[in-house]
Amino acid sequence: EDILAEIVGELSPPSPGEPEEIHPQADGSYIIEGSTNL
């Protein structure tokens, strides 16, 4: 599924309990968790 996601995009939505890693801000910047995959 990880390889297929590289081709077609994410196959399933994130789990309800899974924290968001990218948080958009009003000024156009983003607060990003350090563990976020590049």
Full PDB file with SEQRES, HELIX, SHEET, SSBOND, CRYST1, ORIGX, SCALE, CONECT and MASTER records, all heavy atoms in Angstrom:
SEQRES   1 A   38  GLU ASP ILE LEU ALA GLU ILE VAL GLY GLU LEU SER PRO          
SEQRES   2 A   38  PRO SER PRO GLY GLU PRO GLU GLU ILE HIS PRO GLN ALA          
SEQRES   3 A   38  ASP GLY SER TYR ILE ILE GLU GLY SER THR ASN LEU              
HELIX    1 AA1 ASP A    2  VAL A    8  1                                   7    
SHEET    1 AA1 2 ILE A  22  PRO A  24  0                                        
SHEET    2 AA1 2 TYR A  30  ILE A  32 -1                                        
CRYST1    1.000    1.000    1.000  90.00  90.00  90.00 P 1           1          
ORIGX1      1.000000  0.000000  0.000000        0.00000                         
ORIGX2      0.000000  1.000000  0.000000        0.00000                         
ORIGX3      0.000000  0.000000  1.000000        0.00000                         
SCALE1      1.000000  0.000000  0.000000        0.00000                         
SCALE2      0.000000  1.000000  0.000000        0.00000                         
SCALE3      0.000000  0.000000  1.000000        0.00000                         
ATOM      1  N   GLU A   1       0.825  -1.206   0.000  1.00  0.00           N  
ATOM      2  CA  GLU A   1       0.000   0.000   0.000  1.00  0.00           C  
ATOM      3  C   GLU A   1       0.863   1.261   0.000  1.00  0.00           C  
ATOM      4  O   GLU A   1       0.470   2.274  -0.585  1.00  0.00           O  
ATOM      5  CB  GLU A   1      -0.931   0.001   1.219  1.00  0.00           C  
ATOM      6  CG  GLU A   1      -2.083  -0.998   1.146  1.00  0.00           C  
ATOM      7  CD  GLU A   1      -1.646  -2.431   1.377  1.00  0.00           C  
ATOM      8  OE1 GLU A   1      -0.499  -2.642   1.860  1.00  0.00           O  
ATOM      9  OE2 GLU A   1      -2.432  -3.348   1.078  1.00  0.00           O  
ATOM     10  N   ASP A   2       2.021   1.215   0.656  1.00  0.00           N  
ATOM     11  CA  ASP A   2       2.915   2.374   0.652  1.00  0.00           C  
ATOM     12  C   ASP A   2       3.408   2.694  -0.760  1.00  0.00           C  
ATOM     13  O   ASP A   2       3.496   3.861  -1.156  1.00  0.00           O  
ATOM     14  CB  ASP A   2       4.117   2.123   1.561  1.00  0.00           C  
ATOM     15  CG  ASP A   2       3.723   2.009   3.027  1.00  0.00           C  
ATOM     16  OD1 ASP A   2       2.711   2.632   3.418  1.00  0.00           O  
ATOM     17  OD2 ASP A   2       4.410   1.281   3.784  1.00  0.00           O  
ATOM     18  N   ILE A   3       3.730   1.643  -1.518  1.00  0.00           N  
ATOM     19  CA  ILE A   3       4.199   1.851  -2.890  1.00  0.00           C  
ATOM     20  C   ILE A   3       3.066   2.353  -3.772  1.00  0.00           C  
ATOM     21  O   ILE A   3       3.247   3.273  -4.581  1.00  0.00           O  
ATOM     22  CB  ILE A   3       4.801   0.554  -3.450  1.00  0.00           C  
ATOM     23  CG1 ILE A   3       5.988   0.112  -2.602  1.00  0.00           C  
ATOM     24  CG2 ILE A   3       5.236   0.749  -4.906  1.00  0.00           C  
ATOM     25  CD1 ILE A   3       6.637  -1.179  -3.065  1.00  0.00           C  
ATOM     26  N   LEU A   4       1.881   1.765  -3.616  1.00  0.00           N  
ATOM     27  CA  LEU A   4       0.737   2.213  -4.409  1.00  0.00           C  
ATOM     28  C   LEU A   4       0.375   3.659  -4.094  1.00  0.00           C  
ATOM     29  O   LEU A   4      -0.068   4.399  -4.977  1.00  0.00           O  
ATOM     30  CB  LEU A   4      -0.463   1.298  -4.162  1.00  0.00           C  
ATOM     31  CG  LEU A   4      -0.314  -0.154  -4.637  1.00  0.00           C  
ATOM     32  CD1 LEU A   4      -1.560  -0.955  -4.297  1.00  0.00           C  
ATOM     33  CD2 LEU A   4      -0.040  -0.210  -6.129  1.00  0.00           C  
ATOM     34  N   ALA A   5       0.570   4.063  -2.833  1.00  0.00           N  
ATOM     35  CA  ALA A   5       0.287   5.453  -2.456  1.00  0.00           C  
ATOM     36  C   ALA A   5       1.204   6.428  -3.176  1.00  0.00           C  
ATOM     37  O   ALA A   5       0.826   7.582  -3.429  1.00  0.00           O  
ATOM     38  CB  ALA A   5       0.412   5.623  -0.946  1.00  0.00           C  
ATOM     39  N   GLU A   6       2.430   5.990  -3.519  1.00  0.00           N  
ATOM     40  CA  GLU A   6       3.333   6.835  -4.284  1.00  0.00           C  
ATOM     41  C   GLU A   6       2.831   7.061  -5.701  1.00  0.00           C  
ATOM     42  O   GLU A   6       3.173   8.044  -6.348  1.00  0.00           O  
ATOM     43  CB  GLU A   6       4.730   6.220  -4.326  1.00  0.00           C  
ATOM     44  CG  GLU A   6       5.483   6.297  -3.017  1.00  0.00           C  
ATOM     45  CD  GLU A   6       5.802   7.727  -2.631  1.00  0.00           C  
ATOM     46  OE1 GLU A   6       6.257   8.482  -3.518  1.00  0.00           O  
ATOM     47  OE2 GLU A   6       5.597   8.091  -1.463  1.00  0.00           O  
ATOM     48  N   ILE A   7       1.999   6.145  -6.199  1.00  0.00           N  
ATOM     49  CA  ILE A   7       1.488   6.243  -7.560  1.00  0.00           C  
ATOM     50  C   ILE A   7       0.154   6.976  -7.599  1.00  0.00           C  
ATOM     51  O   ILE A   7      -0.035   7.911  -8.385  1.00  0.00           O  
ATOM     52  CB  ILE A   7       1.340   4.841  -8.182  1.00  0.00           C  
ATOM     53  CG1 ILE A   7       2.695   4.128  -8.208  1.00  0.00           C  
ATOM     54  CG2 ILE A   7       0.760   4.938  -9.587  1.00  0.00           C  
ATOM     55  CD1 ILE A   7       2.616   2.692  -8.684  1.00  0.00           C  
ATOM     56  N   VAL A   8      -0.778   6.581  -6.757  1.00  0.00           N  
ATOM     57  CA  VAL A   8      -2.148   7.108  -6.824  1.00  0.00           C  
ATOM     58  C   VAL A   8      -2.483   8.053  -5.690  1.00  0.00           C  
ATOM     59  O   VAL A   8      -3.575   8.622  -5.652  1.00  0.00           O  
ATOM     60  CB  VAL A   8      -3.169   5.955  -6.846  1.00  0.00           C  
ATOM     61  CG1 VAL A   8      -2.929   5.047  -8.029  1.00  0.00           C  
ATOM     62  CG2 VAL A   8      -3.110   5.146  -5.549  1.00  0.00           C  
ATOM     63  N   GLY A   9      -1.577   8.258  -4.741  1.00  0.00           N  
ATOM     64  CA  GLY A   9      -1.878   9.068  -3.573  1.00  0.00           C  
ATOM     65  C   GLY A   9      -2.367   8.198  -2.427  1.00  0.00           C  
ATOM     66  O   GLY A   9      -2.465   6.977  -2.533  1.00  0.00           O  
ATOM     67  N   GLU A  10      -2.662   8.839  -1.319  1.00  0.00           N  
ATOM     68  CA  GLU A  10      -3.091   8.107  -0.134  1.00  0.00           C  
ATOM     69  C   GLU A  10      -4.365   7.314  -0.419  1.00  0.00           C  
ATOM     70  O   GLU A  10      -5.325   7.829  -0.982  1.00  0.00           O  
ATOM     71  CB  GLU A  10      -3.330   9.059   1.035  1.00  0.00           C  
ATOM     72  CG  GLU A  10      -2.051   9.710   1.557  1.00  0.00           C  
ATOM     73  CD  GLU A  10      -1.072   8.679   2.106  1.00  0.00           C  
ATOM     74  OE1 GLU A  10      -1.535   7.638   2.621  1.00  0.00           O  
ATOM     75  OE2 GLU A  10       0.138   8.915   2.021  1.00  0.00           O  
ATOM     76  N   LEU A  11      -4.345   6.035  -0.019  1.00  0.00           N  
ATOM     77  CA  LEU A  11      -5.467   5.149  -0.301  1.00  0.00           C  
ATOM     78  C   LEU A  11      -6.563   5.223   0.751  1.00  0.00           C  
ATOM     79  O   LEU A  11      -7.683   4.792   0.509  1.00  0.00           O  
ATOM     80  CB  LEU A  11      -4.960   3.702  -0.406  1.00  0.00           C  
ATOM     81  CG  LEU A  11      -3.907   3.455  -1.493  1.00  0.00           C  
ATOM     82  CD1 LEU A  11      -3.396   2.027  -1.428  1.00  0.00           C  
ATOM     83  CD2 LEU A  11      -4.472   3.744  -2.870  1.00  0.00           C  
ATOM     84  N   SER A  12      -6.257   5.759   1.910  1.00  0.00           N  
ATOM     85  CA  SER A  12      -7.246   5.843   2.985  1.00  0.00           C  
ATOM     86  C   SER A  12      -7.013   7.116   3.766  1.00  0.00           C  
ATOM     87  O   SER A  12      -5.879   7.598   3.863  1.00  0.00           O  
ATOM     88  CB  SER A  12      -7.161   4.615   3.895  1.00  0.00           C  
ATOM     89  OG  SER A  12      -5.858   4.507   4.468  1.00  0.00           O  
ATOM     90  N   PRO A  13      -8.062   7.687   4.347  1.00  0.00           N  
ATOM     91  CA  PRO A  13      -7.888   8.893   5.146  1.00  0.00           C  
ATOM     92  C   PRO A  13      -7.150   8.578   6.435  1.00  0.00           C  
ATOM     93  O   PRO A  13      -7.097   7.432   6.873  1.00  0.00           O  
ATOM     94  CB  PRO A  13      -9.339   9.336   5.419  1.00  0.00           C  
ATOM     95  CG  PRO A  13     -10.132   8.070   5.338  1.00  0.00           C  
ATOM     96  CD  PRO A  13      -9.453   7.225   4.294  1.00  0.00           C  
ATOM     97  N   PRO A  14      -6.554   9.582   7.074  1.00  0.00           N  
ATOM     98  CA  PRO A  14      -5.859   9.329   8.334  1.00  0.00           C  
ATOM     99  C   PRO A  14      -6.820   8.863   9.420  1.00  0.00           C  
ATOM    100  O   PRO A  14      -8.006   9.186   9.413  1.00  0.00           O  
ATOM    101  CB  PRO A  14      -5.233  10.696   8.656  1.00  0.00           C  
ATOM    102  CG  PRO A  14      -6.011  11.689   7.878  1.00  0.00           C  
ATOM    103  CD  PRO A  14      -6.489  10.983   6.653  1.00  0.00           C  
ATOM    104  N   SER A  15      -6.290   8.091  10.315  1.00  0.00           N  
ATOM    105  CA  SER A  15      -7.114   7.584  11.415  1.00  0.00           C  
ATOM    106  C   SER A  15      -7.598   8.731  12.282  1.00  0.00           C  
ATOM    107  O   SER A  15      -6.901   9.746  12.432  1.00  0.00           O  
ATOM    108  CB  SER A  15      -6.310   6.588  12.250  1.00  0.00           C  
ATOM    109  OG  SER A  15      -5.815   5.539  11.451  1.00  0.00           O  
ATOM    110  N   PRO A  16      -8.779   8.589  12.918  1.00  0.00           N  
ATOM    111  CA  PRO A  16      -9.311   9.687  13.739  1.00  0.00           C  
ATOM    112  C   PRO A  16      -8.368  10.096  14.852  1.00  0.00           C  
ATOM    113  O   PRO A  16      -8.269  11.265  15.190  1.00  0.00           O  
ATOM    114  CB  PRO A  16     -10.620   9.097  14.286  1.00  0.00           C  
ATOM    115  CG  PRO A  16     -11.001   8.030  13.306  1.00  0.00           C  
ATOM    116  CD  PRO A  16      -9.725   7.468  12.797  1.00  0.00           C  
ATOM    117  N   GLY A  17      -7.677   9.146  15.447  1.00  0.00           N  
ATOM    118  CA  GLY A  17      -6.777   9.475  16.551  1.00  0.00           C  
ATOM    119  C   GLY A  17      -5.389   9.889  16.119  1.00  0.00           C  
ATOM    120  O   GLY A  17      -4.553  10.244  16.954  1.00  0.00           O  
ATOM    121  N   GLU A  18      -5.105   9.857  14.818  1.00  0.00           N  
ATOM    122  CA  GLU A  18      -3.781  10.193  14.320  1.00  0.00           C  
ATOM    123  C   GLU A  18      -3.581  11.706  14.302  1.00  0.00           C  
ATOM    124  O   GLU A  18      -4.370  12.432  13.699  1.00  0.00           O  
ATOM    125  CB  GLU A  18      -3.593   9.623  12.916  1.00  0.00           C  
ATOM    126  CG  GLU A  18      -2.194   9.801  12.366  1.00  0.00           C  
ATOM    127  CD  GLU A  18      -2.030   9.151  11.006  1.00  0.00           C  
ATOM    128  OE1 GLU A  18      -2.914   8.366  10.613  1.00  0.00           O  
ATOM    129  OE2 GLU A  18      -1.019   9.432  10.335  1.00  0.00           O  
ATOM    130  N   PRO A  19      -2.551  12.219  14.990  1.00  0.00           N  
ATOM    131  CA  PRO A  19      -2.354  13.669  15.048  1.00  0.00           C  
ATOM    132  C   PRO A  19      -1.917  14.245  13.704  1.00  0.00           C  
ATOM    133  O   PRO A  19      -1.215  13.609  12.934  1.00  0.00           O  
ATOM    134  CB  PRO A  19      -1.257  13.826  16.112  1.00  0.00           C  
ATOM    135  CG  PRO A  19      -0.499  12.530  16.075  1.00  0.00           C  
ATOM    136  CD  PRO A  19      -1.523  11.475  15.725  1.00  0.00           C  
ATOM    137  N   GLU A  20      -2.336  15.478  13.470  1.00  0.00           N  
ATOM    138  CA  GLU A  20      -1.917  16.181  12.263  1.00  0.00           C  
ATOM    139  C   GLU A  20      -0.472  16.646  12.425  1.00  0.00           C  
ATOM    140  O   GLU A  20      -0.075  17.108  13.491  1.00  0.00           O  
ATOM    141  CB  GLU A  20      -2.838  17.368  12.004  1.00  0.00           C  
ATOM    142  CG  GLU A  20      -4.253  16.995  11.614  1.00  0.00           C  
ATOM    143  CD  GLU A  20      -4.321  16.414  10.208  1.00  0.00           C  
ATOM    144  OE1 GLU A  20      -3.405  16.693   9.403  1.00  0.00           O  
ATOM    145  OE2 GLU A  20      -5.279  15.675   9.926  1.00  0.00           O  
ATOM    146  N   GLU A  21       0.290  16.524  11.341  1.00  0.00           N  
ATOM    147  CA  GLU A  21       1.692  16.914  11.394  1.00  0.00           C  
ATOM    148  C   GLU A  21       1.936  18.286  10.785  1.00  0.00           C  
ATOM    149  O   GLU A  21       2.942  18.921  11.080  1.00  0.00           O  
ATOM    150  CB  GLU A  21       2.554  15.881  10.666  1.00  0.00           C  
ATOM    151  CG  GLU A  21       2.573  14.512  11.327  1.00  0.00           C  
ATOM    152  CD  GLU A  21       3.481  13.538  10.617  1.00  0.00           C  
ATOM    153  OE1 GLU A  21       3.535  13.579   9.360  1.00  0.00           O  
ATOM    154  OE2 GLU A  21       4.156  12.740  11.286  1.00  0.00           O  
ATOM    155  N   ILE A  22       1.022  18.766   9.957  1.00  0.00           N  
ATOM    156  CA  ILE A  22       1.171  20.042   9.275  1.00  0.00           C  
ATOM    157  C   ILE A  22      -0.018  20.920   9.645  1.00  0.00           C  
ATOM    158  O   ILE A  22      -1.169  20.548   9.414  1.00  0.00           O  
ATOM    159  CB  ILE A  22       1.256  19.851   7.755  1.00  0.00           C  
ATOM    160  CG1 ILE A  22       2.407  18.900   7.399  1.00  0.00           C  
ATOM    161  CG2 ILE A  22       1.431  21.189   7.055  1.00  0.00           C  
ATOM    162  CD1 ILE A  22       2.473  18.547   5.924  1.00  0.00           C  
ATOM    163  N   HIS A  23       0.273  22.096  10.216  1.00  0.00           N  
ATOM    164  CA  HIS A  23      -0.785  22.986  10.680  1.00  0.00           C  
ATOM    165  C   HIS A  23      -0.669  24.324   9.956  1.00  0.00           C  
ATOM    166  O   HIS A  23       0.264  25.107  10.218  1.00  0.00           O  
ATOM    167  CB  HIS A  23      -0.670  23.201  12.204  1.00  0.00           C  
ATOM    168  CG  HIS A  23      -0.618  21.932  12.992  1.00  0.00           C  
ATOM    169  ND1 HIS A  23      -1.746  21.250  13.380  1.00  0.00           N  
ATOM    170  CD2 HIS A  23       0.440  21.204  13.456  1.00  0.00           C  
ATOM    171  CE1 HIS A  23      -1.391  20.161  14.055  1.00  0.00           C  
ATOM    172  NE2 HIS A  23      -0.077  20.099  14.118  1.00  0.00           N  
ATOM    173  N   PRO A  24      -1.565  24.639   9.027  1.00  0.00           N  
ATOM    174  CA  PRO A  24      -1.514  25.921   8.322  1.00  0.00           C  
ATOM    175  C   PRO A  24      -1.799  27.078   9.267  1.00  0.00           C  
ATOM    176  O   PRO A  24      -2.613  26.970  10.184  1.00  0.00           O  
ATOM    177  CB  PRO A  24      -2.595  25.791   7.246  1.00  0.00           C  
ATOM    178  CG  PRO A  24      -3.140  24.447   7.363  1.00  0.00           C  
ATOM    179  CD  PRO A  24      -2.665  23.783   8.556  1.00  0.00           C  
ATOM    180  N   GLN A  25      -1.132  28.223   9.032  1.00  0.00           N  
ATOM    181  CA  GLN A  25      -1.310  29.418   9.829  1.00  0.00           C  
ATOM    182  C   GLN A  25      -1.923  30.537   8.997  1.00  0.00           C  
ATOM    183  O   GLN A  25      -1.909  30.501   7.756  1.00  0.00           O  
ATOM    184  CB  GLN A  25       0.033  29.864  10.410  1.00  0.00           C  
ATOM    185  CG  GLN A  25       0.736  28.794  11.237  1.00  0.00           C  
ATOM    186  CD  GLN A  25      -0.045  28.357  12.442  1.00  0.00           C  
ATOM    187  OE1 GLN A  25      -0.382  29.165  13.305  1.00  0.00           O  
ATOM    188  NE2 GLN A  25      -0.360  27.063  12.525  1.00  0.00           N  
ATOM    189  N   ALA A  26      -2.471  31.534   9.681  1.00  0.00           N  
ATOM    190  CA  ALA A  26      -3.156  32.627   8.992  1.00  0.00           C  
ATOM    191  C   ALA A  26      -2.211  33.452   8.124  1.00  0.00           C  
ATOM    192  O   ALA A  26      -2.632  34.038   7.125  1.00  0.00           O  
ATOM    193  CB  ALA A  26      -3.851  33.529  10.019  1.00  0.00           C  
ATOM    194  N   ASP A  27      -0.940  33.517   8.473  1.00  0.00           N  
ATOM    195  CA  ASP A  27       0.014  34.329   7.715  1.00  0.00           C  
ATOM    196  C   ASP A  27       0.601  33.589   6.516  1.00  0.00           C  
ATOM    197  O   ASP A  27       1.502  34.101   5.851  1.00  0.00           O  
ATOM    198  CB  ASP A  27       1.135  34.816   8.617  1.00  0.00           C  
ATOM    199  CG  ASP A  27       1.915  33.680   9.276  1.00  0.00           C  
ATOM    200  OD1 ASP A  27       1.521  32.496   9.101  1.00  0.00           O  
ATOM    201  OD2 ASP A  27       2.915  33.966   9.980  1.00  0.00           O  
ATOM    202  N   GLY A  28       0.110  32.380   6.245  1.00  0.00           N  
ATOM    203  CA  GLY A  28       0.606  31.614   5.110  1.00  0.00           C  
ATOM    204  C   GLY A  28       1.718  30.637   5.442  1.00  0.00           C  
ATOM    205  O   GLY A  28       2.133  29.857   4.581  1.00  0.00           O  
ATOM    206  N   SER A  29       2.207  30.665   6.670  1.00  0.00           N  
ATOM    207  CA  SER A  29       3.245  29.727   7.086  1.00  0.00           C  
ATOM    208  C   SER A  29       2.602  28.446   7.622  1.00  0.00           C  
ATOM    209  O   SER A  29       1.378  28.338   7.732  1.00  0.00           O  
ATOM    210  CB  SER A  29       4.137  30.364   8.150  1.00  0.00           C  
ATOM    211  OG  SER A  29       3.393  30.647   9.327  1.00  0.00           O  
ATOM    212  N   TYR A  30       3.454  27.484   7.981  1.00  0.00           N  
ATOM    213  CA  TYR A  30       2.981  26.204   8.490  1.00  0.00           C  
ATOM    214  C   TYR A  30       3.800  25.826   9.712  1.00  0.00           C  
ATOM    215  O   TYR A  30       5.021  25.994   9.729  1.00  0.00           O  
ATOM    216  CB  TYR A  30       3.107  25.099   7.430  1.00  0.00           C  
ATOM    217  CG  TYR A  30       2.306  25.347   6.181  1.00  0.00           C  
ATOM    218  CD1 TYR A  30       2.847  26.085   5.124  1.00  0.00           C  
ATOM    219  CD2 TYR A  30       1.017  24.860   6.050  1.00  0.00           C  
ATOM    220  CE1 TYR A  30       2.117  26.315   3.972  1.00  0.00           C  
ATOM    221  CE2 TYR A  30       0.275  25.082   4.899  1.00  0.00           C  
ATOM    222  CZ  TYR A  30       0.833  25.813   3.868  1.00  0.00           C  
ATOM    223  OH  TYR A  30       0.097  26.038   2.720  1.00  0.00           O  
ATOM    224  N   ILE A  31       3.117  25.325  10.715  1.00  0.00           N  
ATOM    225  CA  ILE A  31       3.802  24.732  11.854  1.00  0.00           C  
ATOM    226  C   ILE A  31       3.836  23.228  11.624  1.00  0.00           C  
ATOM    227  O   ILE A  31       2.796  22.582  11.502  1.00  0.00           O  
ATOM    228  CB  ILE A  31       3.104  25.087  13.181  1.00  0.00           C  
ATOM    229  CG1 ILE A  31       3.226  26.602  13.432  1.00  0.00           C  
ATOM    230  CG2 ILE A  31       3.717  24.306  14.327  1.00  0.00           C  
ATOM    231  CD1 ILE A  31       2.559  27.062  14.710  1.00  0.00           C  
ATOM    232  N   ILE A  32       5.044  22.691  11.560  1.00  0.00           N  
ATOM    233  CA  ILE A  32       5.242  21.317  11.131  1.00  0.00           C  
ATOM    234  C   ILE A  32       5.976  20.541  12.218  1.00  0.00           C  
ATOM    235  O   ILE A  32       6.933  21.039  12.823  1.00  0.00           O  
ATOM    236  CB  ILE A  32       6.044  21.265   9.810  1.00  0.00           C  
ATOM    237  CG1 ILE A  32       5.368  22.150   8.749  1.00  0.00           C  
ATOM    238  CG2 ILE A  32       6.168  19.848   9.295  1.00  0.00           C  
ATOM    239  CD1 ILE A  32       6.214  22.343   7.503  1.00  0.00           C  
ATOM    240  N   GLU A  33       5.521  19.325  12.457  1.00  0.00           N  
ATOM    241  CA  GLU A  33       6.196  18.446  13.397  1.00  0.00           C  
ATOM    242  C   GLU A  33       7.558  18.034  12.838  1.00  0.00           C  
ATOM    243  O   GLU A  33       7.720  17.820  11.633  1.00  0.00           O  
ATOM    244  CB  GLU A  33       5.354  17.207  13.676  1.00  0.00           C  
ATOM    245  CG  GLU A  33       3.977  17.493  14.258  1.00  0.00           C  
ATOM    246  CD  GLU A  33       4.050  18.132  15.623  1.00  0.00           C  
ATOM    247  OE1 GLU A  33       4.933  17.741  16.415  1.00  0.00           O  
ATOM    248  OE2 GLU A  33       3.226  19.033  15.904  1.00  0.00           O  
ATOM    249  N   GLY A  34       8.528  17.904  13.713  1.00  0.00           N  
ATOM    250  CA  GLY A  34       9.875  17.570  13.282  1.00  0.00           C  
ATOM    251  C   GLY A  34       9.991  16.190  12.658  1.00  0.00           C  
ATOM    252  O   GLY A  34      10.880  15.934  11.854  1.00  0.00           O  
ATOM    253  N   SER A  35       9.095  15.267  13.031  1.00  0.00           N  
ATOM    254  CA  SER A  35       9.145  13.905  12.507  1.00  0.00           C  
ATOM    255  C   SER A  35       8.465  13.757  11.152  1.00  0.00           C  
ATOM    256  O   SER A  35       8.408  12.645  10.611  1.00  0.00           O  
ATOM    257  CB  SER A  35       8.485  12.939  13.498  1.00  0.00           C  
ATOM    258  OG  SER A  35       7.125  13.309  13.740  1.00  0.00           O  
ATOM    259  N   THR A  36       7.958  14.837  10.587  1.00  0.00           N  
ATOM    260  CA  THR A  36       7.246  14.771   9.313  1.00  0.00           C  
ATOM    261  C   THR A  36       8.181  14.338   8.196  1.00  0.00           C  
ATOM    262  O   THR A  36       9.287  14.871   8.044  1.00  0.00           O  
ATOM    263  CB  THR A  36       6.636  16.137   8.961  1.00  0.00           C  
ATOM    264  OG1 THR A  36       5.791  16.567  10.034  1.00  0.00           O  
ATOM    265  CG2 THR A  36       5.812  16.064   7.691  1.00  0.00           C  
ATOM    266  N   ASN A  37       7.735  13.374   7.419  1.00  0.00           N  
ATOM    267  CA  ASN A  37       8.500  12.901   6.276  1.00  0.00           C  
ATOM    268  C   ASN A  37       8.566  13.983   5.207  1.00  0.00           C  
ATOM    269  O   ASN A  37       7.553  14.604   4.856  1.00  0.00           O  
ATOM    270  CB  ASN A  37       7.870  11.628   5.715  1.00  0.00           C  
ATOM    271  CG  ASN A  37       8.695  11.004   4.607  1.00  0.00           C  
ATOM    272  OD1 ASN A  37       8.603  11.400   3.457  1.00  0.00           O  
ATOM    273  ND2 ASN A  37       9.502  10.034   4.957  1.00  0.00           N  
ATOM    274  N   LEU A  38       9.764  14.217   4.682  1.00  0.00           N  
ATOM    275  CA  LEU A  38       9.963  15.291   3.707  1.00  0.00           C  
ATOM    276  C   LEU A  38       9.202  15.034   2.408  1.00  0.00           C  
ATOM    277  O   LEU A  38       8.674  15.969   1.799  1.00  0.00           O  
ATOM    278  CB  LEU A  38      11.452  15.468   3.411  1.00  0.00           C  
ATOM    279  CG  LEU A  38      12.284  16.089   4.534  1.00  0.00           C  
ATOM    280  CD1 LEU A  38      13.757  16.114   4.150  1.00  0.00           C  
ATOM    281  CD2 LEU A  38      11.803  17.510   4.837  1.00  0.00           C  
TER     282      LEU A  38                                                      
MASTER        0    0    0    1    2    0    0    6  281    1    0    3          
END                                                                             
